[in-house]
């Protein structure tokens, strides 16, 4: 009887050891974080002089650029960034750098009843240009393409011109920056562009001489 009892205790101990003490030897992979990159025009950059006239904002103004082909680097290894987290993997965003909204948050649209828009009664609208899943790690460089397309303003006279990069300038922009991505968290990288300081006239062309900087990296 005592022998049978000892055997029962031994078998139970072995089962407990197998359930609690054994591992597969393979650690579980961490969940990804999300990297979100935003682009917003500097609120103080509202001055552009065209043929001696200073522009004023209106509901129909636009200053179109494309942002695409994003990469986040750690040394020579990189992750591709897409415009949003849907399955289509859209690689490019179209942004109106001088899209404005009223101070209460209402977007100013071409269909609005008010044509002229006072700068002190409105502000620029920021856009998310990349938002994608990224493995947790510390990265050291953000890279993407930024190209100008066209600028149009209606006041005080209509001005519409294509934008091009200066000769010898590639579309790629590089930002050396320590960027921490944590499991299950959102790392937001805020970019600021000076829209009108980025326009430079050369002969009969208007060059998109990009003035952009990272203003903040935060984990949300």
N, C-alpha and C. Protein backbone atom coordinates (compact mmCIF):
# COMPACT_ATOMS: atom_id res chain seq x y z
N UNK A 1 0.83 -1.20 0.00
CA UNK A 1 0.00 0.00 0.00
C UNK A 1 0.87 1.25 0.00
N UNK A 2 1.90 1.24 0.86
CA UNK A 2 2.82 2.38 0.91
C UNK A 2 3.54 2.53 -0.41
N UNK A 3 3.90 1.40 -1.02
CA UNK A 3 4.60 1.44 -2.30
C UNK A 3 3.72 2.06 -3.38
N UNK A 4 2.45 1.72 -3.41
CA UNK A 4 1.53 2.27 -4.40
C UNK A 4 1.35 3.78 -4.20
N UNK A 5 1.32 4.19 -2.91
CA UNK A 5 1.18 5.63 -2.62
C UNK A 5 2.38 6.41 -3.12
N UNK A 6 3.60 5.82 -2.88
CA UNK A 6 4.83 6.50 -3.35
C UNK A 6 4.81 6.65 -4.87
N UNK A 7 4.37 5.62 -5.56
CA UNK A 7 4.33 5.66 -7.03
C UNK A 7 3.38 6.76 -7.51
N UNK A 8 2.22 6.89 -6.86
CA UNK A 8 1.24 7.93 -7.23
C UNK A 8 1.84 9.33 -7.06
N UNK A 9 2.51 9.57 -5.92
CA UNK A 9 3.14 10.88 -5.69
C UNK A 9 4.23 11.16 -6.72
N UNK A 10 4.99 10.13 -7.07
CA UNK A 10 6.06 10.28 -8.06
C UNK A 10 5.48 10.68 -9.42
N UNK A 11 4.40 10.03 -9.84
CA UNK A 11 3.79 10.34 -11.13
C UNK A 11 3.22 11.75 -11.16
N UNK A 12 2.59 12.16 -10.06
CA UNK A 12 2.06 13.53 -9.98
C UNK A 12 3.19 14.55 -10.07
N UNK A 13 4.30 14.31 -9.40
CA UNK A 13 5.44 15.23 -9.42
C UNK A 13 6.01 15.37 -10.82
N UNK A 14 6.10 14.22 -11.53
CA UNK A 14 6.62 14.25 -12.91
C UNK A 14 5.71 15.09 -13.79
N UNK A 15 4.37 14.94 -13.65
CA UNK A 15 3.43 15.70 -14.46
C UNK A 15 3.56 17.20 -14.20
N UNK A 16 3.68 17.58 -12.92
CA UNK A 16 3.84 18.99 -12.57
C UNK A 16 5.10 19.56 -13.19
N UNK A 17 6.20 18.78 -13.13
CA UNK A 17 7.46 19.23 -13.72
C UNK A 17 7.32 19.45 -15.23
N UNK A 18 6.65 18.49 -15.89
CA UNK A 18 6.50 18.60 -17.33
C UNK A 18 5.64 19.79 -17.73
N UNK A 19 4.60 20.07 -16.95
CA UNK A 19 3.70 21.16 -17.28
C UNK A 19 4.32 22.52 -17.01
N UNK A 20 5.08 22.61 -15.90
CA UNK A 20 5.57 23.93 -15.47
C UNK A 20 7.03 24.19 -15.76
N UNK A 21 7.80 23.17 -15.91
CA UNK A 21 9.23 23.39 -16.03
C UNK A 21 9.76 23.29 -17.44
N UNK A 22 9.00 22.75 -18.39
CA UNK A 22 9.52 22.54 -19.74
C UNK A 22 9.17 23.73 -20.63
N UNK A 23 10.08 24.11 -21.54
CA UNK A 23 9.82 25.13 -22.54
C UNK A 23 10.22 24.59 -23.89
N UNK A 24 9.76 25.29 -24.94
CA UNK A 24 10.08 24.86 -26.30
C UNK A 24 11.47 25.32 -26.72
N UNK A 25 12.05 26.26 -25.98
CA UNK A 25 13.35 26.80 -26.36
C UNK A 25 13.24 27.94 -27.35
N UNK A 26 12.03 28.30 -27.79
CA UNK A 26 11.81 29.39 -28.74
C UNK A 26 11.02 30.48 -28.03
N UNK A 27 11.61 31.70 -27.92
CA UNK A 27 10.92 32.80 -27.27
C UNK A 27 9.85 33.37 -28.21
N UNK A 28 8.73 33.82 -27.64
CA UNK A 28 7.68 34.40 -28.46
C UNK A 28 8.14 35.73 -29.04
N UNK A 29 7.72 36.01 -30.29
CA UNK A 29 8.10 37.26 -30.94
C UNK A 29 7.28 38.40 -30.38
N UNK A 30 7.89 39.60 -30.20
CA UNK A 30 7.12 40.73 -29.68
C UNK A 30 6.12 41.22 -30.72
N UNK A 31 5.04 41.83 -30.26
CA UNK A 31 4.08 42.44 -31.16
C UNK A 31 4.69 43.71 -31.75
N UNK A 32 4.32 44.10 -32.96
CA UNK A 32 4.90 45.31 -33.54
C UNK A 32 4.34 46.56 -32.88
N UNK A 33 5.05 47.65 -33.06
CA UNK A 33 4.51 48.96 -32.76
C UNK A 33 4.02 49.57 -34.06
N UNK A 34 3.56 50.80 -33.98
CA UNK A 34 3.15 51.54 -35.18
C UNK A 34 3.96 52.82 -35.24
N UNK A 35 4.48 53.13 -36.42
CA UNK A 35 5.16 54.40 -36.65
C UNK A 35 4.23 55.28 -37.48
N UNK A 36 3.93 56.45 -36.93
CA UNK A 36 3.08 57.44 -37.62
C UNK A 36 3.91 58.68 -37.89
N UNK A 37 3.90 59.14 -39.14
CA UNK A 37 4.64 60.34 -39.53
C UNK A 37 3.65 61.40 -39.99
N UNK A 38 3.69 62.57 -39.36
CA UNK A 38 2.79 63.66 -39.74
C UNK A 38 3.58 64.80 -40.39
N UNK A 39 2.88 65.57 -41.21
CA UNK A 39 3.49 66.72 -41.88
C UNK A 39 2.55 67.91 -41.73
N UNK A 40 3.08 69.03 -41.25
CA UNK A 40 2.27 70.24 -41.06
C UNK A 40 3.10 71.46 -41.39
N UNK A 41 2.46 72.45 -41.99
CA UNK A 41 3.15 73.69 -42.33
C UNK A 41 3.32 74.56 -41.09
N UNK A 42 4.42 75.29 -41.05
CA UNK A 42 4.70 76.21 -39.95
C UNK A 42 3.70 77.35 -39.96
N UNK A 43 3.08 77.61 -38.82
CA UNK A 43 2.00 78.60 -38.73
C UNK A 43 2.47 80.02 -39.03
N UNK A 44 3.76 80.29 -38.83
CA UNK A 44 4.27 81.64 -39.06
C UNK A 44 4.63 81.90 -40.51
N UNK A 45 4.70 80.83 -41.31
CA UNK A 45 5.13 80.98 -42.71
C UNK A 45 3.90 81.19 -43.59
N UNK A 46 3.48 82.43 -43.70
CA UNK A 46 2.26 82.76 -44.46
C UNK A 46 2.52 83.83 -45.52
N UNK A 47 3.77 84.16 -45.77
CA UNK A 47 4.08 85.29 -46.64
C UNK A 47 4.73 84.81 -47.93
N UNK A 48 4.12 85.19 -49.05
CA UNK A 48 4.72 84.95 -50.36
C UNK A 48 4.43 86.17 -51.22
N UNK A 49 5.48 86.74 -51.80
CA UNK A 49 5.32 87.91 -52.67
C UNK A 49 5.50 87.46 -54.11
N UNK A 50 4.47 87.70 -54.93
CA UNK A 50 4.48 87.31 -56.34
C UNK A 50 4.28 88.57 -57.19
N UNK A 51 5.27 88.87 -58.00
CA UNK A 51 5.22 90.04 -58.88
C UNK A 51 4.87 91.31 -58.10
N UNK A 52 5.46 91.42 -56.92
CA UNK A 52 5.26 92.61 -56.10
C UNK A 52 4.04 92.59 -55.22
N UNK A 53 3.19 91.58 -55.37
CA UNK A 53 1.97 91.49 -54.56
C UNK A 53 2.14 90.43 -53.48
N UNK A 54 1.61 90.71 -52.31
CA UNK A 54 1.64 89.76 -51.21
C UNK A 54 0.36 88.93 -51.23
N UNK A 55 0.50 87.62 -51.24
CA UNK A 55 -0.69 86.78 -51.34
C UNK A 55 -1.53 86.85 -50.07
N UNK A 56 -2.82 86.60 -50.25
CA UNK A 56 -3.74 86.44 -49.14
C UNK A 56 -4.44 85.09 -49.32
N UNK A 57 -4.81 84.46 -48.23
CA UNK A 57 -5.45 83.15 -48.32
C UNK A 57 -6.88 83.27 -48.82
N UNK A 58 -7.30 82.23 -49.56
CA UNK A 58 -8.69 82.11 -49.98
C UNK A 58 -9.09 80.64 -49.89
N UNK A 59 -10.38 80.39 -50.05
CA UNK A 59 -10.90 79.03 -49.90
C UNK A 59 -10.41 78.08 -51.00
N UNK A 60 -9.97 78.62 -52.13
CA UNK A 60 -9.58 77.76 -53.25
C UNK A 60 -8.09 77.51 -53.38
N UNK A 61 -7.28 78.02 -52.47
CA UNK A 61 -5.84 77.87 -52.58
C UNK A 61 -5.40 76.42 -52.42
N UNK A 62 -4.37 76.05 -53.14
CA UNK A 62 -3.77 74.74 -52.89
C UNK A 62 -2.29 74.78 -53.27
N UNK A 63 -1.55 73.91 -52.61
CA UNK A 63 -0.08 73.84 -52.76
C UNK A 63 0.21 72.35 -52.63
N UNK A 64 0.20 71.68 -53.78
CA UNK A 64 0.17 70.22 -53.79
C UNK A 64 1.57 69.61 -53.85
N UNK A 65 1.80 68.66 -52.95
CA UNK A 65 3.05 67.90 -52.94
C UNK A 65 2.70 66.42 -52.77
N UNK A 66 3.67 65.58 -53.09
CA UNK A 66 3.51 64.14 -52.85
C UNK A 66 4.59 63.68 -51.88
N UNK A 67 4.18 62.81 -50.96
CA UNK A 67 5.09 62.22 -49.99
C UNK A 67 4.99 60.71 -50.15
N UNK A 68 6.10 60.05 -50.40
CA UNK A 68 6.01 58.61 -50.63
C UNK A 68 7.33 57.90 -50.41
N UNK A 69 7.28 56.57 -50.60
CA UNK A 69 8.45 55.70 -50.47
C UNK A 69 9.21 55.96 -49.17
N UNK A 70 8.53 55.70 -48.06
CA UNK A 70 9.14 55.92 -46.76
C UNK A 70 9.92 54.71 -46.28
N UNK A 71 11.02 54.98 -45.59
CA UNK A 71 11.85 53.93 -44.99
C UNK A 71 12.29 54.37 -43.60
N UNK A 72 12.37 53.41 -42.70
CA UNK A 72 12.92 53.65 -41.37
C UNK A 72 14.12 52.72 -41.22
N UNK A 73 15.29 53.31 -40.92
CA UNK A 73 16.55 52.55 -40.93
C UNK A 73 17.07 52.29 -39.53
N UNK A 74 17.72 51.15 -39.39
CA UNK A 74 18.59 50.83 -38.25
C UNK A 74 19.88 50.32 -38.85
N UNK A 75 20.88 51.20 -38.94
CA UNK A 75 22.10 50.85 -39.67
C UNK A 75 21.78 50.69 -41.13
N UNK A 76 22.16 49.52 -41.71
CA UNK A 76 21.87 49.29 -43.12
C UNK A 76 20.61 48.47 -43.33
N UNK A 77 19.89 48.18 -42.27
CA UNK A 77 18.62 47.45 -42.37
C UNK A 77 17.48 48.46 -42.31
N UNK A 78 16.38 48.15 -43.00
CA UNK A 78 15.30 49.12 -43.06
C UNK A 78 13.93 48.45 -43.09
N UNK A 79 12.92 49.24 -42.73
CA UNK A 79 11.52 48.86 -42.80
C UNK A 79 10.84 49.81 -43.77
N UNK A 80 10.00 49.29 -44.65
CA UNK A 80 9.25 50.14 -45.57
C UNK A 80 8.01 50.68 -44.85
N UNK A 81 7.75 51.97 -45.02
CA UNK A 81 6.57 52.61 -44.42
C UNK A 81 5.52 52.86 -45.50
N UNK A 82 4.25 52.65 -45.13
CA UNK A 82 3.14 52.89 -46.05
C UNK A 82 2.24 53.98 -45.50
N UNK A 83 1.34 54.47 -46.36
CA UNK A 83 0.52 55.63 -46.01
C UNK A 83 -0.44 55.35 -44.87
N UNK A 84 -0.97 54.13 -44.79
CA UNK A 84 -1.86 53.77 -43.70
C UNK A 84 -1.83 52.27 -43.50
N UNK A 85 -2.50 51.79 -42.47
CA UNK A 85 -2.38 50.40 -42.06
C UNK A 85 -3.38 49.46 -42.75
N UNK A 86 -4.01 49.91 -43.82
CA UNK A 86 -4.90 48.98 -44.52
C UNK A 86 -4.08 48.03 -45.39
N UNK A 87 -4.72 46.99 -45.90
CA UNK A 87 -4.00 45.92 -46.59
C UNK A 87 -3.54 46.32 -47.99
N UNK A 88 -3.98 47.48 -48.48
CA UNK A 88 -3.60 47.89 -49.83
C UNK A 88 -2.15 48.34 -49.93
N UNK A 89 -1.54 48.65 -48.81
CA UNK A 89 -0.15 49.11 -48.78
C UNK A 89 0.10 50.27 -49.75
N UNK A 90 -0.65 51.34 -49.52
CA UNK A 90 -0.50 52.54 -50.35
C UNK A 90 0.81 53.22 -49.97
N UNK A 91 1.63 53.52 -50.98
CA UNK A 91 2.96 54.03 -50.70
C UNK A 91 3.13 55.52 -50.81
N UNK A 92 2.08 56.26 -51.23
CA UNK A 92 2.24 57.69 -51.49
C UNK A 92 1.03 58.46 -50.98
N UNK A 93 1.28 59.65 -50.45
CA UNK A 93 0.22 60.54 -49.98
C UNK A 93 0.29 61.85 -50.75
N UNK A 94 -0.88 62.41 -51.05
CA UNK A 94 -0.97 63.72 -51.68
C UNK A 94 -1.40 64.73 -50.60
N UNK A 95 -0.66 65.82 -50.49
CA UNK A 95 -0.89 66.77 -49.41
C UNK A 95 -1.00 68.18 -49.98
N UNK A 96 -2.01 68.92 -49.51
CA UNK A 96 -2.12 70.35 -49.79
C UNK A 96 -1.50 71.09 -48.60
N UNK A 97 -0.32 71.64 -48.79
CA UNK A 97 0.42 72.24 -47.68
C UNK A 97 -0.26 73.48 -47.12
N UNK A 98 -1.15 74.13 -47.88
CA UNK A 98 -1.80 75.33 -47.37
C UNK A 98 -3.30 75.11 -47.16
N UNK A 99 -3.68 73.85 -47.03
CA UNK A 99 -5.06 73.57 -46.58
C UNK A 99 -5.24 74.15 -45.18
N UNK A 100 -6.34 74.89 -45.00
CA UNK A 100 -6.56 75.55 -43.71
C UNK A 100 -7.90 75.15 -43.11
N UNK A 101 -8.00 75.37 -41.81
CA UNK A 101 -9.25 75.14 -41.10
C UNK A 101 -9.52 76.33 -40.19
N UNK A 102 -10.81 76.54 -39.89
CA UNK A 102 -11.17 77.59 -38.94
C UNK A 102 -10.67 77.19 -37.55
N UNK A 103 -10.62 78.14 -36.67
CA UNK A 103 -10.08 77.88 -35.34
C UNK A 103 -10.92 76.88 -34.55
N UNK A 104 -12.19 76.70 -34.95
CA UNK A 104 -13.02 75.71 -34.27
C UNK A 104 -12.87 74.31 -34.86
N UNK A 105 -11.95 74.16 -35.84
CA UNK A 105 -11.67 72.85 -36.39
C UNK A 105 -12.38 72.53 -37.69
N UNK A 106 -13.31 73.38 -38.16
CA UNK A 106 -14.00 73.13 -39.42
C UNK A 106 -13.07 73.35 -40.60
N UNK A 107 -13.03 72.38 -41.49
CA UNK A 107 -12.17 72.46 -42.67
C UNK A 107 -12.70 73.52 -43.62
N UNK A 108 -11.80 74.32 -44.19
CA UNK A 108 -12.19 75.32 -45.17
C UNK A 108 -12.18 74.66 -46.55
N UNK A 109 -13.34 74.67 -47.21
CA UNK A 109 -13.52 73.97 -48.48
C UNK A 109 -13.79 74.95 -49.62
N UNK A 110 -13.50 74.54 -50.87
CA UNK A 110 -13.80 75.42 -52.01
C UNK A 110 -15.27 75.81 -52.11
N UNK A 111 -16.15 75.02 -51.50
CA UNK A 111 -17.59 75.30 -51.55
C UNK A 111 -18.07 76.24 -50.45
N UNK A 112 -17.18 76.66 -49.53
CA UNK A 112 -17.58 77.54 -48.44
C UNK A 112 -18.11 78.87 -48.97
N UNK A 113 -18.99 79.48 -48.22
CA UNK A 113 -19.58 80.75 -48.63
C UNK A 113 -18.57 81.91 -48.54
N UNK A 114 -17.63 81.81 -47.62
CA UNK A 114 -16.61 82.86 -47.45
C UNK A 114 -15.46 82.58 -48.41
N UNK A 115 -15.10 83.58 -49.23
CA UNK A 115 -14.02 83.36 -50.19
C UNK A 115 -12.66 83.68 -49.57
N UNK A 116 -12.52 84.88 -49.00
CA UNK A 116 -11.25 85.27 -48.40
C UNK A 116 -11.13 84.69 -46.99
N UNK A 117 -9.93 84.24 -46.65
CA UNK A 117 -9.68 83.58 -45.36
C UNK A 117 -8.58 84.35 -44.64
N UNK A 118 -8.92 84.95 -43.52
CA UNK A 118 -7.92 85.67 -42.72
C UNK A 118 -7.01 84.68 -42.01
N UNK A 119 -5.71 84.94 -42.04
CA UNK A 119 -4.76 84.03 -41.41
C UNK A 119 -4.98 83.94 -39.91
N UNK A 120 -5.36 85.05 -39.27
CA UNK A 120 -5.52 85.03 -37.82
C UNK A 120 -6.80 84.34 -37.38
N UNK A 121 -7.71 84.06 -38.32
CA UNK A 121 -8.94 83.34 -38.00
C UNK A 121 -8.88 81.87 -38.38
N UNK A 122 -7.74 81.42 -38.83
CA UNK A 122 -7.62 80.05 -39.32
C UNK A 122 -6.22 79.52 -39.04
N UNK A 123 -6.00 78.26 -39.38
CA UNK A 123 -4.68 77.66 -39.20
C UNK A 123 -4.49 76.54 -40.21
N UNK A 124 -3.23 76.14 -40.40
CA UNK A 124 -2.92 75.05 -41.31
C UNK A 124 -3.42 73.72 -40.75
N UNK A 125 -3.69 72.81 -41.66
CA UNK A 125 -4.11 71.46 -41.30
C UNK A 125 -2.93 70.51 -41.46
N UNK A 126 -2.68 69.71 -40.44
CA UNK A 126 -1.63 68.69 -40.53
C UNK A 126 -2.18 67.40 -41.15
N UNK A 127 -1.30 66.62 -41.75
CA UNK A 127 -1.68 65.37 -42.40
C UNK A 127 -0.79 64.23 -41.90
N UNK A 128 -1.38 63.04 -41.78
CA UNK A 128 -0.59 61.83 -41.54
C UNK A 128 -0.16 61.30 -42.89
N UNK A 129 1.16 61.22 -43.12
CA UNK A 129 1.66 60.80 -44.43
C UNK A 129 2.14 59.34 -44.43
N UNK A 130 2.47 58.82 -43.25
CA UNK A 130 2.83 57.40 -43.11
C UNK A 130 2.25 56.88 -41.80
N UNK A 131 1.81 55.61 -41.82
CA UNK A 131 1.38 54.95 -40.60
C UNK A 131 1.45 53.45 -40.86
N UNK A 132 2.44 52.80 -40.24
CA UNK A 132 2.66 51.39 -40.56
C UNK A 132 3.25 50.63 -39.37
N UNK A 133 3.12 49.29 -39.43
CA UNK A 133 3.61 48.42 -38.37
C UNK A 133 5.13 48.27 -38.47
N UNK A 134 5.79 48.38 -37.32
CA UNK A 134 7.25 48.31 -37.28
C UNK A 134 7.68 47.49 -36.07
N UNK A 135 8.67 46.62 -36.24
CA UNK A 135 9.17 45.79 -35.14
C UNK A 135 9.79 46.67 -34.06
N UNK A 136 9.58 46.34 -32.79
CA UNK A 136 10.18 47.13 -31.70
C UNK A 136 11.71 47.18 -31.82
N UNK A 137 12.26 48.37 -31.71
CA UNK A 137 13.71 48.54 -31.80
C UNK A 137 14.00 50.04 -31.72
N UNK A 138 15.27 50.38 -31.74
CA UNK A 138 15.69 51.77 -31.84
C UNK A 138 16.25 52.01 -33.23
N UNK A 139 15.63 52.89 -33.97
CA UNK A 139 16.04 53.19 -35.34
C UNK A 139 16.80 54.52 -35.37
N UNK A 140 17.54 54.74 -36.46
CA UNK A 140 18.40 55.92 -36.47
C UNK A 140 18.23 56.85 -37.67
N UNK A 141 17.34 56.49 -38.61
CA UNK A 141 17.15 57.39 -39.76
C UNK A 141 15.76 57.21 -40.37
N UNK A 142 15.13 58.33 -40.69
CA UNK A 142 13.88 58.35 -41.45
C UNK A 142 14.19 58.87 -42.84
N UNK A 143 13.65 58.19 -43.84
CA UNK A 143 13.91 58.59 -45.23
C UNK A 143 12.60 58.50 -46.01
N UNK A 144 12.37 59.48 -46.88
CA UNK A 144 11.19 59.44 -47.74
C UNK A 144 11.38 60.38 -48.92
N UNK A 145 10.50 60.25 -49.91
CA UNK A 145 10.52 61.13 -51.06
C UNK A 145 9.52 62.26 -50.85
N UNK A 146 9.91 63.47 -51.21
CA UNK A 146 9.03 64.63 -51.13
C UNK A 146 9.20 65.45 -52.41
N UNK A 147 8.11 65.55 -53.17
CA UNK A 147 8.16 66.26 -54.45
C UNK A 147 7.02 67.28 -54.52
N UNK A 148 7.28 68.42 -55.14
CA UNK A 148 6.26 69.42 -55.36
C UNK A 148 5.54 69.17 -56.67
N UNK A 149 4.28 69.61 -56.73
CA UNK A 149 3.50 69.43 -57.95
C UNK A 149 3.04 70.77 -58.50
N UNK A 150 2.22 71.49 -57.72
CA UNK A 150 1.69 72.76 -58.21
C UNK A 150 1.27 73.64 -57.04
N UNK A 151 1.41 74.95 -57.23
CA UNK A 151 0.88 75.91 -56.26
C UNK A 151 -0.09 76.82 -56.98
N UNK A 152 -1.25 77.08 -56.33
CA UNK A 152 -2.26 77.98 -56.87
C UNK A 152 -2.79 78.86 -55.75
N UNK A 153 -2.77 80.17 -55.96
CA UNK A 153 -3.41 81.10 -55.03
C UNK A 153 -4.26 82.06 -55.86
N UNK A 154 -5.36 82.52 -55.26
CA UNK A 154 -6.32 83.35 -56.00
C UNK A 154 -6.23 84.83 -55.68
N UNK A 155 -5.62 85.18 -54.54
CA UNK A 155 -5.58 86.57 -54.10
C UNK A 155 -4.14 87.04 -53.93
N UNK A 156 -3.83 88.29 -54.32
CA UNK A 156 -4.70 89.30 -54.91
C UNK A 156 -4.92 89.10 -56.41
N UNK A 157 -4.14 88.21 -57.01
CA UNK A 157 -4.36 87.85 -58.41
C UNK A 157 -4.13 86.35 -58.53
N UNK A 158 -4.73 85.75 -59.54
CA UNK A 158 -4.56 84.30 -59.69
C UNK A 158 -3.13 83.98 -60.10
N UNK A 159 -2.57 83.02 -59.38
CA UNK A 159 -1.20 82.58 -59.65
C UNK A 159 -1.19 81.06 -59.61
N UNK A 160 -0.86 80.45 -60.73
CA UNK A 160 -0.77 78.99 -60.82
C UNK A 160 0.55 78.62 -61.50
N UNK A 161 1.36 77.84 -60.79
CA UNK A 161 2.64 77.44 -61.36
C UNK A 161 3.02 76.05 -60.91
N UNK A 162 3.62 75.28 -61.80
CA UNK A 162 4.17 73.98 -61.39
C UNK A 162 5.41 74.19 -60.53
N UNK A 163 5.69 73.22 -59.68
CA UNK A 163 6.87 73.25 -58.83
C UNK A 163 7.81 72.13 -59.25
N UNK A 164 9.09 72.41 -59.23
CA UNK A 164 10.07 71.38 -59.55
C UNK A 164 11.24 71.47 -58.58
N UNK A 165 11.91 70.34 -58.42
CA UNK A 165 13.08 70.33 -57.55
C UNK A 165 14.24 71.04 -58.23
N UNK A 166 15.12 71.66 -57.47
CA UNK A 166 16.32 72.27 -58.08
C UNK A 166 17.14 71.23 -58.84
N UNK A 167 17.85 71.68 -59.85
CA UNK A 167 18.69 70.78 -60.64
C UNK A 167 19.67 70.05 -59.73
N UNK A 168 19.80 68.74 -59.94
CA UNK A 168 20.74 67.94 -59.17
C UNK A 168 20.23 67.50 -57.81
N UNK A 169 18.99 67.87 -57.48
CA UNK A 169 18.41 67.47 -56.19
C UNK A 169 17.49 66.27 -56.39
N UNK A 170 17.70 65.22 -55.61
CA UNK A 170 16.82 64.05 -55.68
C UNK A 170 15.60 64.26 -54.81
N UNK A 171 14.58 63.45 -55.04
CA UNK A 171 13.36 63.54 -54.25
C UNK A 171 13.56 63.02 -52.83
N UNK A 172 14.62 62.26 -52.58
CA UNK A 172 14.83 61.62 -51.28
C UNK A 172 15.27 62.65 -50.24
N UNK A 173 14.64 62.59 -49.07
CA UNK A 173 15.06 63.39 -47.92
C UNK A 173 15.46 62.44 -46.79
N UNK A 174 16.53 62.78 -46.08
CA UNK A 174 17.05 61.96 -44.99
C UNK A 174 17.06 62.76 -43.69
N UNK A 175 16.62 62.10 -42.61
CA UNK A 175 16.62 62.73 -41.29
C UNK A 175 17.27 61.77 -40.30
N UNK A 176 18.46 62.12 -39.83
CA UNK A 176 19.13 61.33 -38.81
C UNK A 176 18.48 61.64 -37.46
N UNK A 177 17.90 60.62 -36.84
CA UNK A 177 17.15 60.83 -35.61
C UNK A 177 16.99 59.50 -34.89
N UNK A 178 17.22 59.51 -33.57
CA UNK A 178 16.95 58.31 -32.79
C UNK A 178 15.44 58.16 -32.62
N UNK A 179 14.91 57.01 -33.06
CA UNK A 179 13.47 56.78 -33.06
C UNK A 179 13.19 55.44 -32.38
N UNK A 180 12.59 55.50 -31.21
CA UNK A 180 12.30 54.30 -30.44
C UNK A 180 10.90 53.79 -30.78
N UNK A 181 10.80 52.49 -31.09
CA UNK A 181 9.51 51.87 -31.34
C UNK A 181 9.29 50.80 -30.28
N UNK A 182 8.19 50.90 -29.55
CA UNK A 182 7.88 49.95 -28.48
C UNK A 182 6.73 49.04 -28.90
N UNK A 183 6.74 47.86 -28.33
CA UNK A 183 5.70 46.88 -28.61
C UNK A 183 4.32 47.42 -28.26
N UNK A 184 3.40 47.33 -29.23
CA UNK A 184 2.02 47.73 -28.99
C UNK A 184 1.77 49.21 -28.81
N UNK A 185 2.78 50.07 -29.06
CA UNK A 185 2.64 51.52 -28.88
C UNK A 185 2.76 52.22 -30.24
N UNK A 186 2.33 53.48 -30.26
CA UNK A 186 2.45 54.31 -31.46
C UNK A 186 3.60 55.29 -31.26
N UNK A 187 4.57 55.28 -32.16
CA UNK A 187 5.63 56.28 -32.17
C UNK A 187 5.27 57.31 -33.24
N UNK A 188 5.04 58.54 -32.82
CA UNK A 188 4.66 59.59 -33.76
C UNK A 188 5.83 60.52 -34.02
N UNK A 189 6.12 60.70 -35.29
CA UNK A 189 7.19 61.60 -35.74
C UNK A 189 6.53 62.79 -36.42
N UNK A 190 6.69 63.98 -35.84
CA UNK A 190 6.06 65.18 -36.40
C UNK A 190 7.07 65.96 -37.23
N UNK A 191 6.72 66.18 -38.49
CA UNK A 191 7.54 66.98 -39.40
C UNK A 191 6.89 68.34 -39.62
N UNK A 192 7.72 69.35 -39.74
CA UNK A 192 7.23 70.70 -40.02
C UNK A 192 7.91 71.21 -41.28
N UNK A 193 7.10 71.78 -42.18
CA UNK A 193 7.63 72.35 -43.41
C UNK A 193 7.30 73.84 -43.45
N UNK A 194 8.22 74.60 -44.01
CA UNK A 194 7.99 76.03 -44.24
C UNK A 194 7.56 76.17 -45.69
N UNK A 195 6.25 76.26 -45.96
CA UNK A 195 5.77 76.14 -47.34
C UNK A 195 6.26 77.24 -48.26
N UNK A 196 6.15 78.49 -47.83
CA UNK A 196 6.52 79.58 -48.73
C UNK A 196 8.02 79.83 -48.76
N UNK A 197 8.69 79.56 -47.64
CA UNK A 197 10.14 79.63 -47.67
C UNK A 197 10.74 78.55 -48.55
N UNK A 198 9.94 77.53 -48.84
CA UNK A 198 10.41 76.44 -49.69
C UNK A 198 10.25 76.72 -51.18
N UNK A 199 9.65 77.87 -51.52
CA UNK A 199 9.49 78.24 -52.94
C UNK A 199 10.57 79.27 -53.29
N UNK A 200 11.28 78.95 -54.36
CA UNK A 200 12.33 79.85 -54.82
C UNK A 200 12.21 80.02 -56.33
N UNK A 201 12.19 81.26 -56.76
CA UNK A 201 12.09 81.51 -58.20
C UNK A 201 13.47 81.49 -58.83
N UNK A 202 13.57 80.79 -59.95
CA UNK A 202 14.82 80.76 -60.71
C UNK A 202 14.46 80.92 -62.18
N UNK A 203 14.83 82.08 -62.75
CA UNK A 203 14.44 82.43 -64.12
C UNK A 203 12.92 82.37 -64.23
N UNK A 204 12.38 81.50 -65.08
CA UNK A 204 10.93 81.43 -65.24
C UNK A 204 10.32 80.25 -64.49
N UNK A 205 11.10 79.61 -63.63
CA UNK A 205 10.62 78.44 -62.90
C UNK A 205 10.49 78.75 -61.42
N UNK A 206 9.62 77.97 -60.77
CA UNK A 206 9.49 78.04 -59.32
C UNK A 206 9.98 76.72 -58.74
N UNK A 207 11.02 76.82 -57.93
CA UNK A 207 11.67 75.62 -57.41
C UNK A 207 11.14 75.30 -56.02
N UNK A 208 10.97 74.00 -55.79
CA UNK A 208 10.54 73.51 -54.48
C UNK A 208 11.79 73.16 -53.69
N UNK A 209 12.33 74.18 -53.02
CA UNK A 209 13.58 74.04 -52.27
C UNK A 209 13.23 73.74 -50.81
N UNK A 210 12.98 72.50 -50.52
CA UNK A 210 12.27 72.01 -49.33
C UNK A 210 12.93 72.39 -48.00
N UNK A 211 12.16 73.08 -47.15
CA UNK A 211 12.61 73.43 -45.81
C UNK A 211 11.78 72.62 -44.81
N UNK A 212 12.33 71.51 -44.36
CA UNK A 212 11.58 70.56 -43.52
C UNK A 212 12.46 70.17 -42.33
N UNK A 213 11.83 69.96 -41.18
CA UNK A 213 12.58 69.48 -40.01
C UNK A 213 11.66 68.60 -39.16
N UNK A 214 12.28 67.76 -38.35
CA UNK A 214 11.54 67.00 -37.34
C UNK A 214 11.39 67.87 -36.10
N UNK A 215 10.17 68.07 -35.65
CA UNK A 215 9.94 68.90 -34.46
C UNK A 215 9.74 68.08 -33.19
N UNK A 216 9.28 66.81 -33.35
CA UNK A 216 9.01 66.03 -32.16
C UNK A 216 8.91 64.55 -32.51
N UNK A 217 9.43 63.70 -31.62
CA UNK A 217 9.22 62.25 -31.68
C UNK A 217 8.65 61.85 -30.33
N UNK A 218 7.47 61.26 -30.32
CA UNK A 218 6.84 60.89 -29.05
C UNK A 218 6.19 59.53 -29.16
N UNK A 219 6.18 58.82 -28.02
CA UNK A 219 5.51 57.53 -27.95
C UNK A 219 4.17 57.72 -27.26
N UNK A 220 3.12 57.35 -27.94
CA UNK A 220 1.76 57.59 -27.46
C UNK A 220 1.19 56.35 -26.80
